[in-house]
Amino acid sequence: MGYWFIIVMAVSSLLVLYLGWRLIEPLPLGRKRKLLLWFLLALLLFGHRLTWVLHRTNKYELTACDTIDWVGFTFLGFISILVVFMLARDVPSLLGKVGALLKRPFSHRLSRPLFAGPDRNRRRFLVNLSNGVFLAAAVPMAGFGVFNARRTPTVLPNEIPLPGLPGGLDGFTIAQISDTHIGPTIRAEWARRVTDAVNALSPDLIVHTGDLVDGSVDGLKTDILPLGDLSAPHGVWFCTGNHEYYSGVFEWLEETRRLGMR
């Protein structure tokens, strides 16, 4: 947890500083209002970490954690889209400035400037205008992301030809599930829909290829129960992903065995 905590807090700090500098500071607002926006930004990015110290031991704490996670993860998804747009604008500009600085010692210096200095008001207007466009584009994209994450996954058939395959295995079917991330925002109802969709395929074998969960066994053992109903003649198999290690890999290995996964 130590290294992971440091990485998460460092990334969150960089996001707060970058968004505050390029999104909040150019706004035509007074200092008090800007400080309020800085505070809200930091609260949304750092406040989400509060769930790390809450143990979900009662229904009130569980409700609080779920609410914080819903707000925090949705906001993080929105910010991730927004930052990509902003970096696509700012990185080329930064590289251009660095290039100009590097060329300055080798350029011919005039005795007096031919042009006036940069129009800061115009620059601020363009930054605010582009930020507005980015915000308007990021909102529906984040909304679609939430919808796409919570809908029942689409079944994608894929026929794999294998030269030399024994005749007895011709037509052998494997249902692969991956990255279900059952956790604070994806619960038992969604897991039940996935289980029913997979069982309806009547596969010969089922395999889950990692990132089953986002959270501890204590917090998710009820939500993961529907996956215990997965059934195939040659069994249900599971391999760990990185999120199992974030969430307590040894506890989850024991829990998946209890659910009938090998």
Protein backbone atom coordinates (compact mmCIF):
# COMPACT_ATOMS: atom_id res chain seq x y z
CA MET A 1 0.00 0.00 0.00
CA GLY A 2 2.93 2.35 0.73
CA TYR A 3 4.25 2.71 -2.82
CA TRP A 4 0.75 2.66 -4.31
CA PHE A 5 -0.37 5.41 -1.92
CA ILE A 6 2.62 7.59 -2.87
CA ILE A 7 1.97 7.11 -6.60
CA VAL A 8 -1.75 7.90 -6.32
CA MET A 9 -1.17 10.98 -4.18
CA ALA A 10 1.60 12.22 -6.50
CA VAL A 11 -0.60 11.85 -9.59
CA SER A 12 -3.53 13.51 -7.82
CA SER A 13 -1.28 16.42 -6.78
CA LEU A 14 -0.05 16.89 -10.35
CA LEU A 15 -3.62 16.87 -11.65
CA VAL A 16 -4.70 19.50 -9.11
CA LEU A 17 -1.74 21.75 -9.96
CA TYR A 18 -2.14 21.39 -13.72
CA LEU A 19 -5.92 21.86 -13.78
CA GLY A 20 -5.72 24.76 -11.33
CA TRP A 21 -3.03 26.48 -13.40
CA ARG A 22 -4.61 26.00 -16.84
CA LEU A 23 -8.32 25.76 -16.05
CA ILE A 24 -8.99 27.89 -12.96
CA GLU A 25 -6.34 30.63 -13.01
CA PRO A 26 -7.25 32.02 -16.49
CA LEU A 27 -10.88 32.54 -15.44
CA PRO A 28 -12.02 36.18 -15.05
CA LEU A 29 -12.88 35.69 -11.36
CA GLY A 30 -11.75 37.22 -8.11
CA ARG A 31 -9.10 35.54 -5.98
CA LYS A 32 -11.62 34.24 -3.39
CA ARG A 33 -13.70 32.49 -6.03
CA LYS A 34 -10.62 30.99 -7.62
CA LEU A 35 -9.45 29.69 -4.24
CA LEU A 36 -12.88 28.11 -3.75
CA LEU A 37 -12.57 26.34 -7.11
CA TRP A 38 -9.05 25.18 -6.19
CA PHE A 39 -10.45 23.78 -2.92
CA LEU A 40 -13.32 21.95 -4.67
CA LEU A 41 -10.93 20.47 -7.23
CA ALA A 42 -8.58 19.22 -4.51
CA LEU A 43 -11.53 17.90 -2.47
CA LEU A 44 -12.84 15.84 -5.39
CA LEU A 45 -9.43 14.38 -6.24
CA PHE A 46 -8.05 13.86 -2.74
CA GLY A 47 -11.33 13.29 -0.90
CA HIS A 48 -11.92 10.08 -2.82
CA ARG A 49 -9.04 8.54 -0.86
CA LEU A 50 -11.21 8.75 2.27
CA THR A 51 -12.63 5.34 1.36
CA TRP A 52 -9.22 3.81 2.08
CA VAL A 53 -9.65 4.42 5.80
CA LEU A 54 -13.35 3.53 6.06
CA HIS A 55 -13.92 -0.16 6.70
CA ARG A 56 -17.57 -0.45 5.56
CA THR A 57 -18.54 -2.10 8.83
CA ASN A 58 -22.10 -0.79 8.90
CA LYS A 59 -24.74 0.34 6.41
CA TYR A 60 -24.06 4.05 6.97
CA GLU A 61 -20.35 3.68 6.31
CA LEU A 62 -21.10 1.49 3.28
CA THR A 63 -23.52 4.08 1.90
CA ALA A 64 -20.94 6.83 2.46
CA CYS A 65 -18.21 4.83 0.71
CA ASP A 66 -20.44 4.00 -2.26
CA THR A 67 -21.43 7.65 -2.64
CA ILE A 68 -17.84 8.85 -2.42
CA ASP A 69 -16.72 6.19 -4.91
CA TRP A 70 -19.48 7.04 -7.38
CA VAL A 71 -18.63 10.74 -7.29
CA GLY A 72 -14.88 10.16 -7.19
CA PHE A 73 -14.62 7.60 -10.00
CA THR A 74 -17.04 9.48 -12.26
CA PHE A 75 -15.16 12.75 -11.70
CA LEU A 76 -11.83 11.01 -12.31
CA GLY A 77 -13.11 9.62 -15.61
CA PHE A 78 -14.33 13.06 -16.62
CA ILE A 79 -11.01 14.66 -15.64
CA SER A 80 -9.06 12.01 -17.56
CA ILE A 81 -10.86 12.96 -20.78
CA LEU A 82 -10.50 16.68 -20.08
CA VAL A 83 -6.77 16.44 -19.37
CA VAL A 84 -6.14 14.62 -22.67
CA PHE A 85 -7.78 17.51 -24.55
CA MET A 86 -5.85 20.11 -22.57
CA LEU A 87 -2.50 18.36 -23.02
CA ALA A 88 -3.12 18.11 -26.77
CA ARG A 89 -3.33 21.92 -26.74
CA ASP A 90 -0.61 22.72 -24.19
CA VAL A 91 2.20 20.28 -25.07
CA PRO A 92 2.77 21.58 -28.64
CA SER A 93 2.69 25.15 -27.30
CA LEU A 94 5.24 24.28 -24.59
CA LEU A 95 7.52 22.55 -27.10
CA GLY A 96 7.33 25.61 -29.36
CA LYS A 97 8.38 27.89 -26.50
CA VAL A 98 11.26 25.58 -25.57
CA GLY A 99 12.40 25.54 -29.20
CA ALA A 100 12.28 29.33 -29.38
CA LEU A 101 14.40 29.61 -26.22
CA LEU A 102 16.97 27.19 -27.60
CA LYS A 103 17.23 29.11 -30.87
CA ARG A 104 17.48 32.53 -29.22
CA PRO A 105 21.30 32.52 -28.64
CA PHE A 106 21.85 31.76 -32.32
CA SER A 107 19.38 34.27 -33.78
CA HIS A 108 20.24 37.78 -34.96
CA ARG A 109 19.31 40.39 -32.34
CA LEU A 110 17.78 43.63 -33.59
CA SER A 111 18.58 46.96 -31.96
CA ARG A 112 14.91 47.52 -31.23
CA PRO A 113 11.80 45.30 -31.38
CA LEU A 114 9.63 45.46 -34.49
CA PHE A 115 6.54 44.07 -32.76
CA ALA A 116 4.75 44.70 -29.50
CA GLY A 117 4.79 42.09 -26.73
CA PRO A 118 2.21 39.32 -26.45
CA ASP A 119 -1.43 40.27 -25.92
CA ARG A 120 -2.09 38.57 -22.57
CA ASN A 121 -5.81 39.34 -22.59
CA ARG A 122 -6.16 37.68 -26.00
CA ARG A 123 -4.23 34.64 -24.80
CA ARG A 124 -6.39 34.36 -21.70
CA PHE A 125 -9.55 34.61 -23.81
CA LEU A 126 -8.34 31.84 -26.15
CA VAL A 127 -7.41 29.59 -23.23
CA ASN A 128 -10.82 30.08 -21.62
CA LEU A 129 -12.57 29.53 -24.95
CA SER A 130 -10.73 26.27 -25.62
CA ASN A 131 -11.33 25.14 -22.03
CA GLY A 132 -15.05 25.73 -22.54
CA VAL A 133 -15.01 23.63 -25.72
CA PHE A 134 -13.09 20.84 -23.94
CA LEU A 135 -15.54 20.85 -21.01
CA ALA A 136 -18.52 20.72 -23.36
CA ALA A 137 -17.00 17.73 -25.18
CA ALA A 138 -15.85 15.87 -22.04
CA VAL A 139 -19.25 15.87 -20.30
CA PRO A 140 -21.13 13.70 -22.86
CA MET A 141 -18.07 11.50 -23.36
CA ALA A 142 -17.87 10.82 -19.62
CA GLY A 143 -21.62 10.13 -19.57
CA PHE A 144 -21.26 7.62 -22.38
CA GLY A 145 -18.35 6.02 -20.50
CA VAL A 146 -20.56 5.47 -17.43
CA PHE A 147 -23.33 4.00 -19.59
CA ASN A 148 -20.92 1.75 -21.48
CA ALA A 149 -19.30 0.47 -18.29
CA ARG A 150 -22.62 -0.54 -16.72
CA ARG A 151 -24.40 -2.14 -19.65
CA THR A 152 -24.28 -5.88 -20.19
CA PRO A 153 -21.11 -6.65 -22.19
CA THR A 154 -21.55 -7.63 -25.83
CA VAL A 155 -20.75 -11.21 -26.81
CA LEU A 156 -18.07 -11.25 -29.50
CA PRO A 157 -17.82 -14.62 -31.31
CA ASN A 158 -14.34 -15.47 -32.54
CA GLU A 159 -13.54 -18.67 -34.45
CA ILE A 160 -9.89 -19.67 -34.08
CA PRO A 161 -8.46 -22.16 -36.64
CA LEU A 162 -5.75 -24.39 -35.14
CA PRO A 163 -3.84 -26.62 -37.59
CA GLY A 164 -3.34 -30.13 -36.21
CA LEU A 165 -6.10 -29.82 -33.62
CA PRO A 166 -7.36 -33.29 -32.59
CA GLY A 167 -10.74 -34.05 -34.09
CA GLY A 168 -12.32 -34.45 -30.67
CA LEU A 169 -11.64 -30.77 -29.94
CA ASP A 170 -13.12 -29.45 -33.16
CA GLY A 171 -15.82 -26.95 -32.16
CA PHE A 172 -14.63 -26.75 -28.55
CA THR A 173 -15.92 -23.43 -27.16
CA ILE A 174 -14.33 -21.19 -24.55
CA ALA A 175 -16.20 -18.25 -23.04
CA GLN A 176 -13.67 -15.63 -21.95
CA ILE A 177 -14.60 -12.92 -19.46
CA SER A 178 -12.15 -10.17 -18.53
CA ASP A 179 -11.93 -6.90 -16.59
CA THR A 180 -15.28 -7.13 -14.85
CA HIS A 181 -14.01 -4.79 -12.08
CA ILE A 182 -16.86 -5.61 -9.73
CA GLY A 183 -16.58 -3.00 -7.03
CA PRO A 184 -18.06 0.24 -5.70
CA THR A 185 -19.88 1.16 -8.90
CA ILE A 186 -20.55 -2.30 -10.40
CA ARG A 187 -22.51 -4.59 -8.11
CA ALA A 188 -24.33 -7.93 -7.91
CA GLU A 189 -27.09 -7.05 -10.39
CA TRP A 190 -24.53 -6.46 -13.14
CA ALA A 191 -22.62 -9.64 -12.19
CA ARG A 192 -25.89 -11.58 -12.47
CA ARG A 193 -26.51 -10.26 -15.99
CA VAL A 194 -23.00 -11.26 -17.06
CA THR A 195 -23.38 -14.72 -15.53
CA ASP A 196 -26.70 -15.31 -17.29
CA ALA A 197 -25.30 -14.11 -20.63
CA VAL A 198 -22.28 -16.44 -20.39
CA ASN A 199 -24.27 -19.48 -19.27
CA ALA A 200 -26.73 -18.92 -22.15
CA LEU A 201 -23.85 -19.58 -24.57
CA SER A 202 -23.43 -23.13 -23.15
CA PRO A 203 -19.63 -23.02 -23.55
CA ASP A 204 -17.40 -26.04 -22.99
CA LEU A 205 -15.10 -24.02 -20.73
CA ILE A 206 -15.24 -20.60 -19.05
CA VAL A 207 -12.18 -18.50 -18.20
CA HIS A 208 -11.91 -15.14 -16.44
CA THR A 209 -8.62 -13.51 -17.44
CA GLY A 210 -8.10 -11.01 -14.66
CA ASP A 211 -9.26 -7.80 -12.98
CA LEU A 212 -12.27 -9.53 -11.50
CA VAL A 213 -12.75 -6.98 -8.70
CA ASP A 214 -11.90 -3.56 -7.32
CA GLY A 215 -12.05 -3.87 -3.56
CA SER A 216 -11.67 -6.20 -0.62
CA VAL A 217 -13.35 -9.57 -0.11
CA ASP A 218 -15.18 -8.22 2.95
CA GLY A 219 -16.74 -5.41 0.94
CA LEU A 220 -17.61 -7.40 -2.21
CA LYS A 221 -18.28 -11.02 -1.21
CA THR A 222 -22.04 -10.52 -1.70
CA ASP A 223 -21.68 -8.78 -5.05
CA ILE A 224 -19.38 -11.46 -6.44
CA LEU A 225 -21.75 -14.33 -5.54
CA PRO A 226 -23.57 -14.47 -8.93
CA LEU A 227 -20.32 -15.49 -10.63
CA GLY A 228 -20.40 -18.64 -8.51
CA ASP A 229 -23.26 -19.80 -10.78
CA LEU A 230 -21.05 -19.88 -13.88
CA SER A 231 -21.10 -23.43 -15.21
CA ALA A 232 -19.31 -25.31 -17.99
CA PRO A 233 -18.49 -29.03 -18.56
CA HIS A 234 -14.74 -28.40 -18.42
CA GLY A 235 -14.89 -25.98 -15.52
CA VAL A 236 -14.50 -22.29 -14.74
CA TRP A 237 -10.92 -21.01 -14.64
CA PHE A 238 -9.46 -17.78 -13.32
CA CYS A 239 -6.13 -15.97 -13.47
CA THR A 240 -5.21 -12.87 -11.50
CA GLY A 241 -4.91 -9.35 -12.86
CA ASN A 242 -3.16 -6.35 -11.33
CA HIS A 243 -6.34 -5.21 -9.57
CA GLU A 244 -6.49 -8.43 -7.58
CA TYR A 245 -3.09 -7.49 -6.17
CA TYR A 246 -4.35 -4.02 -5.26
CA SER A 247 -7.37 -5.61 -3.55
CA GLY A 248 -5.74 -8.44 -1.58
CA VAL A 249 -4.69 -11.22 -3.94
CA PHE A 250 -4.44 -14.09 -1.44
CA GLU A 251 -7.89 -13.39 0.01
CA TRP A 252 -9.36 -13.25 -3.50
CA LEU A 253 -7.68 -16.48 -4.57
CA GLU A 254 -9.34 -18.18 -1.62
CA GLU A 255 -12.70 -16.56 -2.41
CA THR A 256 -12.62 -17.52 -6.10
CA ARG A 257 -11.87 -21.13 -5.14
CA ARG A 258 -14.87 -21.03 -2.82
CA LEU A 259 -16.98 -19.85 -5.79
CA GLY A 260 -15.85 -22.86 -7.83
CA MET A 261 -13.19 -21.16 -9.97
CA ARG A 262 -9.89 -22.94 -10.51
